Amino acid sequence: MNLFRRLSFDFSYLSKPPWDSGISPPELMEFIRNHAPGRALDLGCGTATNVITLAQAGWQVTGVDFSWRAVRKGYQKLRKTRIEAQLLVDDVTKLREIHGSYELILDIGCYHSLPVDIRPAYRTNIDRLLAPQGFHLLYAFLPSSPGSLPGITQDDLEALNQSRQMVNRRDSPDRQGRASTWLCYQKDTPGRW
């Protein structure tokens, strides 16, 4: 990830960035209700809102964000709530410190913000870290107007389908009216969301 992009994200966390709502989405809450706890990895975890939600539901959670400022704020939230979880500053296309396998890999808005040319490295990491029959729960913007983030493209969907099966897809506008989607993939064996 380039230095300017990293600095702009860090700068965003001097206040409260618009994507940091502090509320876990209903799609994650539904997933938690319907699946037994295991190991979870939150990619682009920001200030650890969803890390805390998962840990409170019994999951062993690791969160990763490339903004050191977001991770620092996340650790402050963990201390206040007395939740045990691991937060790391790392690039989701590298994940040098992440090992083992995870029953859930969560990504709320990280993948769609990556430049298209480095998305294959992200997908390789998902393939490496997702446990057999594990779930990849992904929220992303759909392609919209020229000049905006590319969103998740048809090429991305085809690439994601190569090593996992889509279990569920829910398209709907976000709070600002942007077209977005929730995708749930399962590795190896299809299942119900």
C-alpha atoms as a PDB file:
ATOM      1  CA  MET A   1       0.000   0.000   0.000  1.00  0.00           C
ATOM      2  CA  ASN A   2       1.502   3.349  -0.912  1.00  0.00           C
ATOM      3  CA  LEU A   3       2.667   5.774   1.751  1.00  0.00           C
ATOM      4  CA  PHE A   4       0.267   8.591   0.800  1.00  0.00           C
ATOM      5  CA  ARG A   5      -2.738   6.271   1.109  1.00  0.00           C
ATOM      6  CA  ARG A   6      -1.542   4.996   4.481  1.00  0.00           C
ATOM      7  CA  LEU A   7      -0.996   8.530   5.790  1.00  0.00           C
ATOM      8  CA  SER A   8      -4.421   9.674   4.590  1.00  0.00           C
ATOM      9  CA  PHE A   9      -6.090   6.805   6.484  1.00  0.00           C
ATOM     10  CA  ASP A  10      -4.049   7.590   9.611  1.00  0.00           C
ATOM     11  CA  PHE A  11      -5.040  11.246   9.265  1.00  0.00           C
ATOM     12  CA  SER A  12      -8.725  10.224   9.060  1.00  0.00           C
ATOM     13  CA  TYR A  13      -8.447   8.683  12.529  1.00  0.00           C
ATOM     14  CA  LEU A  14      -7.496  12.034  14.096  1.00  0.00           C
ATOM     15  CA  SER A  15     -11.275  12.416  14.290  1.00  0.00           C
ATOM     16  CA  LYS A  16     -13.971   9.844  13.594  1.00  0.00           C
ATOM     17  CA  PRO A  17     -13.957   8.694   9.959  1.00  0.00           C
ATOM     18  CA  PRO A  18     -17.395   8.181   8.375  1.00  0.00           C
ATOM     19  CA  TRP A  19     -16.894   4.420   8.025  1.00  0.00           C
ATOM     20  CA  ASP A  20     -16.216   3.991  11.769  1.00  0.00           C
ATOM     21  CA  SER A  21     -19.821   3.806  12.964  1.00  0.00           C
ATOM     22  CA  GLY A  22     -19.004   1.957  16.193  1.00  0.00           C
ATOM     23  CA  ILE A  23     -21.885  -0.430  15.459  1.00  0.00           C
ATOM     24  CA  SER A  24     -21.560  -3.980  14.166  1.00  0.00           C
ATOM     25  CA  PRO A  25     -23.812  -4.564  11.156  1.00  0.00           C
ATOM     26  CA  PRO A  26     -26.856  -6.845  11.318  1.00  0.00           C
ATOM     27  CA  GLU A  27     -25.281  -9.195   8.755  1.00  0.00           C
ATOM     28  CA  LEU A  28     -22.413  -9.929  11.156  1.00  0.00           C
ATOM     29  CA  MET A  29     -24.821 -10.319  14.075  1.00  0.00           C
ATOM     30  CA  GLU A  30     -26.863 -12.828  12.043  1.00  0.00           C
ATOM     31  CA  PHE A  31     -23.708 -14.749  11.171  1.00  0.00           C
ATOM     32  CA  ILE A  32     -22.693 -14.909  14.847  1.00  0.00           C
ATOM     33  CA  ARG A  33     -26.155 -16.189  15.869  1.00  0.00           C
ATOM     34  CA  ASN A  34     -25.981 -18.992  13.297  1.00  0.00           C
ATOM     35  CA  HIS A  35     -22.379 -20.199  13.732  1.00  0.00           C
ATOM     36  CA  ALA A  36     -20.426 -21.650  16.632  1.00  0.00           C
ATOM     37  CA  PRO A  37     -17.434 -19.567  17.751  1.00  0.00           C
ATOM     38  CA  GLY A  38     -13.972 -20.350  16.456  1.00  0.00           C
ATOM     39  CA  ARG A  39     -11.021 -18.323  15.257  1.00  0.00           C
ATOM     40  CA  ALA A  40     -11.855 -15.100  13.414  1.00  0.00           C
ATOM     41  CA  LEU A  41      -9.726 -12.658  11.448  1.00  0.00           C
ATOM     42  CA  ASP A  42     -11.043  -9.128  10.825  1.00  0.00           C
ATOM     43  CA  LEU A  43      -9.296  -7.540   7.833  1.00  0.00           C
ATOM     44  CA  GLY A  44      -9.355  -3.754   7.898  1.00  0.00           C
ATOM     45  CA  CYS A  45     -10.545  -3.875  11.512  1.00  0.00           C
ATOM     46  CA  GLY A  46     -10.311  -0.130  12.097  1.00  0.00           C
ATOM     47  CA  THR A  47     -10.913   0.693  15.768  1.00  0.00           C
ATOM     48  CA  ALA A  48     -11.928  -2.895  16.603  1.00  0.00           C
ATOM     49  CA  THR A  49     -15.718  -2.536  16.779  1.00  0.00           C
ATOM     50  CA  ASN A  50     -16.314  -5.909  15.120  1.00  0.00           C
ATOM     51  CA  VAL A  51     -13.343  -7.511  16.878  1.00  0.00           C
ATOM     52  CA  ILE A  52     -15.050  -6.683  20.180  1.00  0.00           C
ATOM     53  CA  THR A  53     -18.438  -7.945  18.962  1.00  0.00           C
ATOM     54  CA  LEU A  54     -16.932 -11.268  17.868  1.00  0.00           C
ATOM     55  CA  ALA A  55     -14.894 -11.659  21.079  1.00  0.00           C
ATOM     56  CA  GLN A  56     -17.978 -10.988  23.212  1.00  0.00           C
ATOM     57  CA  ALA A  57     -19.689 -13.838  21.320  1.00  0.00           C
ATOM     58  CA  GLY A  58     -16.867 -16.233  22.223  1.00  0.00           C
ATOM     59  CA  TRP A  59     -14.677 -15.975  19.131  1.00  0.00           C
ATOM     60  CA  GLN A  60     -10.870 -15.872  19.362  1.00  0.00           C
ATOM     61  CA  VAL A  61     -10.220 -12.773  17.256  1.00  0.00           C
ATOM     62  CA  THR A  62      -7.315 -11.136  15.483  1.00  0.00           C
ATOM     63  CA  GLY A  63      -7.816  -7.777  13.814  1.00  0.00           C
ATOM     64  CA  VAL A  64      -5.549  -6.260  11.173  1.00  0.00           C
ATOM     65  CA  ASP A  65      -5.453  -2.716   9.874  1.00  0.00           C
ATOM     66  CA  PHE A  66      -2.752  -0.772   8.061  1.00  0.00           C
ATOM     67  CA  SER A  67      -3.498   2.373  10.081  1.00  0.00           C
ATOM     68  CA  TRP A  68      -1.451   2.411  13.275  1.00  0.00           C
ATOM     69  CA  ARG A  69      -3.726   5.134  14.623  1.00  0.00           C
ATOM     70  CA  ALA A  70      -6.829   2.938  14.136  1.00  0.00           C
ATOM     71  CA  VAL A  71      -5.105  -0.005  15.836  1.00  0.00           C
ATOM     72  CA  ARG A  72      -4.054   2.205  18.737  1.00  0.00           C
ATOM     73  CA  LYS A  73      -7.662   3.398  19.181  1.00  0.00           C
ATOM     74  CA  GLY A  74      -8.776  -0.225  18.913  1.00  0.00           C
ATOM     75  CA  TYR A  75      -6.480  -1.239  21.779  1.00  0.00           C
ATOM     76  CA  GLN A  76      -7.922   1.602  23.868  1.00  0.00           C
ATOM     77  CA  LYS A  77     -11.435   0.229  23.235  1.00  0.00           C
ATOM     78  CA  LEU A  78     -10.276  -3.307  24.117  1.00  0.00           C
ATOM     79  CA  ARG A  79      -8.841  -2.102  27.424  1.00  0.00           C
ATOM     80  CA  LYS A  80     -12.063  -0.231  28.295  1.00  0.00           C
ATOM     81  CA  THR A  81     -14.210  -3.281  27.571  1.00  0.00           C
ATOM     82  CA  ARG A  82     -11.677  -5.725  29.071  1.00  0.00           C
ATOM     83  CA  ILE A  83     -11.852  -7.840  25.939  1.00  0.00           C
ATOM     84  CA  GLU A  84      -8.966 -10.111  24.966  1.00  0.00           C
ATOM     85  CA  ALA A  85      -8.061  -9.915  21.273  1.00  0.00           C
ATOM     86  CA  GLN A  86      -5.022  -9.334  19.111  1.00  0.00           C
ATOM     87  CA  LEU A  87      -4.688  -6.264  16.890  1.00  0.00           C
ATOM     88  CA  LEU A  88      -1.895  -5.887  14.365  1.00  0.00           C
ATOM     89  CA  VAL A  89      -0.704  -3.164  12.025  1.00  0.00           C
ATOM     90  CA  ASP A  90      -0.175  -4.916   8.702  1.00  0.00           C
ATOM     91  CA  ASP A  91      -1.037  -4.815   5.023  1.00  0.00           C
ATOM     92  CA  VAL A  92      -3.858  -7.224   4.051  1.00  0.00           C
ATOM     93  CA  THR A  93      -1.930  -8.118   0.908  1.00  0.00           C
ATOM     94  CA  LYS A  94       1.005  -9.305   3.012  1.00  0.00           C
ATOM     95  CA  LEU A  95      -0.204 -10.470   6.472  1.00  0.00           C
ATOM     96  CA  ARG A  96       3.317 -11.330   7.622  1.00  0.00           C
ATOM     97  CA  GLU A  97       2.278 -11.916  11.246  1.00  0.00           C
ATOM     98  CA  ILE A  98      -0.827 -14.011  10.578  1.00  0.00           C
ATOM     99  CA  HIS A  99      -0.570 -17.804  10.699  1.00  0.00           C
ATOM    100  CA  GLY A 100      -2.862 -20.776  11.200  1.00  0.00           C
ATOM    101  CA  SER A 101      -6.402 -21.069   9.934  1.00  0.00           C
ATOM    102  CA  TYR A 102      -9.584 -19.180  10.668  1.00  0.00           C
ATOM    103  CA  GLU A 103     -13.208 -20.324  10.633  1.00  0.00           C
ATOM    104  CA  LEU A 104     -14.249 -16.752   9.772  1.00  0.00           C
ATOM    105  CA  ILE A 105     -12.458 -14.073   7.812  1.00  0.00           C
ATOM    106  CA  LEU A 106     -14.399 -10.814   7.987  1.00  0.00           C
ATOM    107  CA  ASP A 107     -13.886  -7.877   5.661  1.00  0.00           C
ATOM    108  CA  ILE A 108     -16.171  -4.879   5.942  1.00  0.00           C
ATOM    109  CA  GLY A 109     -15.042  -2.393   3.325  1.00  0.00           C
ATOM    110  CA  CYS A 110     -11.381  -3.309   2.967  1.00  0.00           C
ATOM    111  CA  TYR A 111     -11.276  -5.272  -0.305  1.00  0.00           C
ATOM    112  CA  HIS A 112     -13.157  -2.692  -2.354  1.00  0.00           C
ATOM    113  CA  SER A 113     -10.669   0.005  -1.323  1.00  0.00           C
ATOM    114  CA  LEU A 114      -7.642  -1.931  -2.593  1.00  0.00           C
ATOM    115  CA  PRO A 115      -6.155  -1.030  -5.965  1.00  0.00           C
ATOM    116  CA  VAL A 116      -7.249  -3.647  -8.491  1.00  0.00           C
ATOM    117  CA  ASP A 117      -3.670  -4.735  -9.274  1.00  0.00           C
ATOM    118  CA  ILE A 118      -2.959  -5.898  -5.686  1.00  0.00           C
ATOM    119  CA  ARG A 119      -6.248  -7.708  -5.065  1.00  0.00           C
ATOM    120  CA  PRO A 120      -4.795 -11.081  -6.163  1.00  0.00           C
ATOM    121  CA  ALA A 121      -2.368 -10.955  -3.191  1.00  0.00           C
ATOM    122  CA  TYR A 122      -5.331 -10.405  -0.841  1.00  0.00           C
ATOM    123  CA  ARG A 123      -7.174 -13.396  -2.337  1.00  0.00           C
ATOM    124  CA  THR A 124      -4.052 -15.550  -1.967  1.00  0.00           C
ATOM    125  CA  ASN A 125      -3.983 -14.700   1.743  1.00  0.00           C
ATOM    126  CA  ILE A 126      -7.655 -15.630   2.119  1.00  0.00           C
ATOM    127  CA  ASP A 127      -6.950 -18.980   0.446  1.00  0.00           C
ATOM    128  CA  ARG A 128      -3.991 -19.556   2.780  1.00  0.00           C
ATOM    129  CA  LEU A 129      -5.765 -18.588   6.013  1.00  0.00           C
ATOM    130  CA  LEU A 130      -9.354 -19.749   5.589  1.00  0.00           C
ATOM    131  CA  ALA A 131      -9.982 -23.075   7.343  1.00  0.00           C
ATOM    132  CA  PRO A 132     -11.643 -25.926   5.460  1.00  0.00           C
ATOM    133  CA  GLN A 133     -15.383 -25.184   5.522  1.00  0.00           C
ATOM    134  CA  GLY A 134     -14.522 -21.706   6.888  1.00  0.00           C
ATOM    135  CA  PHE A 135     -16.474 -18.589   5.918  1.00  0.00           C
ATOM    136  CA  HIS A 136     -15.332 -15.392   4.241  1.00  0.00           C
ATOM    137  CA  LEU A 137     -17.872 -12.650   5.019  1.00  0.00           C
ATOM    138  CA  LEU A 138     -17.261  -9.648   2.786  1.00  0.00           C
ATOM    139  CA  TYR A 139     -18.957  -6.258   2.463  1.00  0.00           C
ATOM    140  CA  ALA A 140     -18.075  -4.163  -0.575  1.00  0.00           C
ATOM    141  CA  PHE A 141     -19.320  -1.361  -2.774  1.00  0.00           C
ATOM    142  CA  LEU A 142     -20.485  -2.359  -6.233  1.00  0.00           C
ATOM    143  CA  PRO A 143     -19.065  -0.454  -9.227  1.00  0.00           C
ATOM    144  CA  SER A 144     -20.710   2.926  -9.544  1.00  0.00           C
ATOM    145  CA  SER A 145     -19.786   6.250 -11.082  1.00  0.00           C
ATOM    146  CA  PRO A 146     -16.536   6.980 -12.935  1.00  0.00           C
ATOM    147  CA  GLY A 147     -13.812   8.343 -10.675  1.00  0.00           C
ATOM    148  CA  SER A 148     -15.091   6.592  -7.554  1.00  0.00           C
ATOM    149  CA  LEU A 149     -13.646   3.465  -5.993  1.00  0.00           C
ATOM    150  CA  PRO A 150     -13.906   0.618  -8.470  1.00  0.00           C
ATOM    151  CA  GLY A 151     -15.863  -1.436  -5.965  1.00  0.00           C
ATOM    152  CA  ILE A 152     -15.982  -5.185  -6.300  1.00  0.00           C
ATOM    153  CA  THR A 153     -15.995  -6.051  -9.990  1.00  0.00           C
ATOM    154  CA  GLN A 154     -17.310  -9.029 -11.919  1.00  0.00           C
ATOM    155  CA  ASP A 155     -13.665 -10.124 -12.351  1.00  0.00           C
ATOM    156  CA  ASP A 156     -13.278 -10.027  -8.553  1.00  0.00           C
ATOM    157  CA  LEU A 157     -16.391 -12.153  -8.074  1.00  0.00           C
ATOM    158  CA  GLU A 158     -15.141 -14.729 -10.573  1.00  0.00           C
ATOM    159  CA  ALA A 159     -11.714 -14.819  -8.883  1.00  0.00           C
ATOM    160  CA  LEU A 160     -13.255 -15.198  -5.424  1.00  0.00           C
ATOM    161  CA  ASN A 161     -15.420 -18.069  -6.693  1.00  0.00           C
ATOM    162  CA  GLN A 162     -12.377 -20.049  -7.855  1.00  0.00           C
ATOM    163  CA  SER A 163     -11.389 -21.323  -4.421  1.00  0.00           C
ATOM    164  CA  ARG A 164     -14.591 -20.954  -2.409  1.00  0.00           C
ATOM    165  CA  GLN A 165     -18.302 -21.166  -3.007  1.00  0.00           C
ATOM    166  CA  MET A 166     -20.699 -18.270  -2.623  1.00  0.00           C
ATOM    167  CA  VAL A 167     -23.278 -19.201   0.008  1.00  0.00           C
ATOM    168  CA  ASN A 168     -25.190 -15.935   0.041  1.00  0.00           C
ATOM    169  CA  ARG A 169     -25.268 -12.526  -1.633  1.00  0.00           C
ATOM    170  CA  ARG A 170     -27.338  -9.528  -0.536  1.00  0.00           C
ATOM    171  CA  ASP A 171     -27.222  -6.375  -2.649  1.00  0.00           C
ATOM    172  CA  SER A 172     -28.617  -3.130  -1.284  1.00  0.00           C
ATOM    173  CA  PRO A 173     -27.727   0.540  -1.039  1.00  0.00           C
ATOM    174  CA  ASP A 174     -25.701   1.714   1.954  1.00  0.00           C
ATOM    175  CA  ARG A 175     -26.696   4.639   4.192  1.00  0.00           C
ATOM    176  CA  GLN A 176     -25.471   7.132   1.555  1.00  0.00           C
ATOM    177  CA  GLY A 177     -27.298   5.339  -1.264  1.00  0.00           C
ATOM    178  CA  ARG A 178     -24.203   3.706  -2.809  1.00  0.00           C
ATOM    179  CA  ALA A 179     -24.779   0.275  -4.327  1.00  0.00           C
ATOM    180  CA  SER A 180     -23.189  -2.331  -2.080  1.00  0.00           C
ATOM    181  CA  THR A 181     -23.225  -6.045  -1.401  1.00  0.00           C
ATOM    182  CA  TRP A 182     -22.737  -8.546   1.392  1.00  0.00           C
ATOM    183  CA  LEU A 183     -21.075 -11.736   0.191  1.00  0.00           C
ATOM    184  CA  CYS A 184     -20.692 -14.913   2.182  1.00  0.00           C
ATOM    185  CA  TYR A 185     -18.318 -17.560   0.829  1.00  0.00           C
ATOM    186  CA  GLN A 186     -17.496 -20.958   2.232  1.00  0.00           C
ATOM    187  CA  LYS A 187     -14.324 -22.856   1.513  1.00  0.00           C
ATOM    188  CA  ASP A 188     -14.670 -26.409   0.194  1.00  0.00           C
ATOM    189  CA  THR A 189     -18.130 -27.360   1.402  1.00  0.00           C
ATOM    190  CA  PRO A 190     -21.210 -25.233   0.715  1.00  0.00           C
ATOM    191  CA  GLY A 191     -23.379 -24.452   3.707  1.00  0.00           C
ATOM    192  CA  ARG A 192     -26.133 -22.202   4.912  1.00  0.00           C
ATOM    193  CA  TRP A 193     -25.606 -18.663   6.123  1.00  0.00           C
END
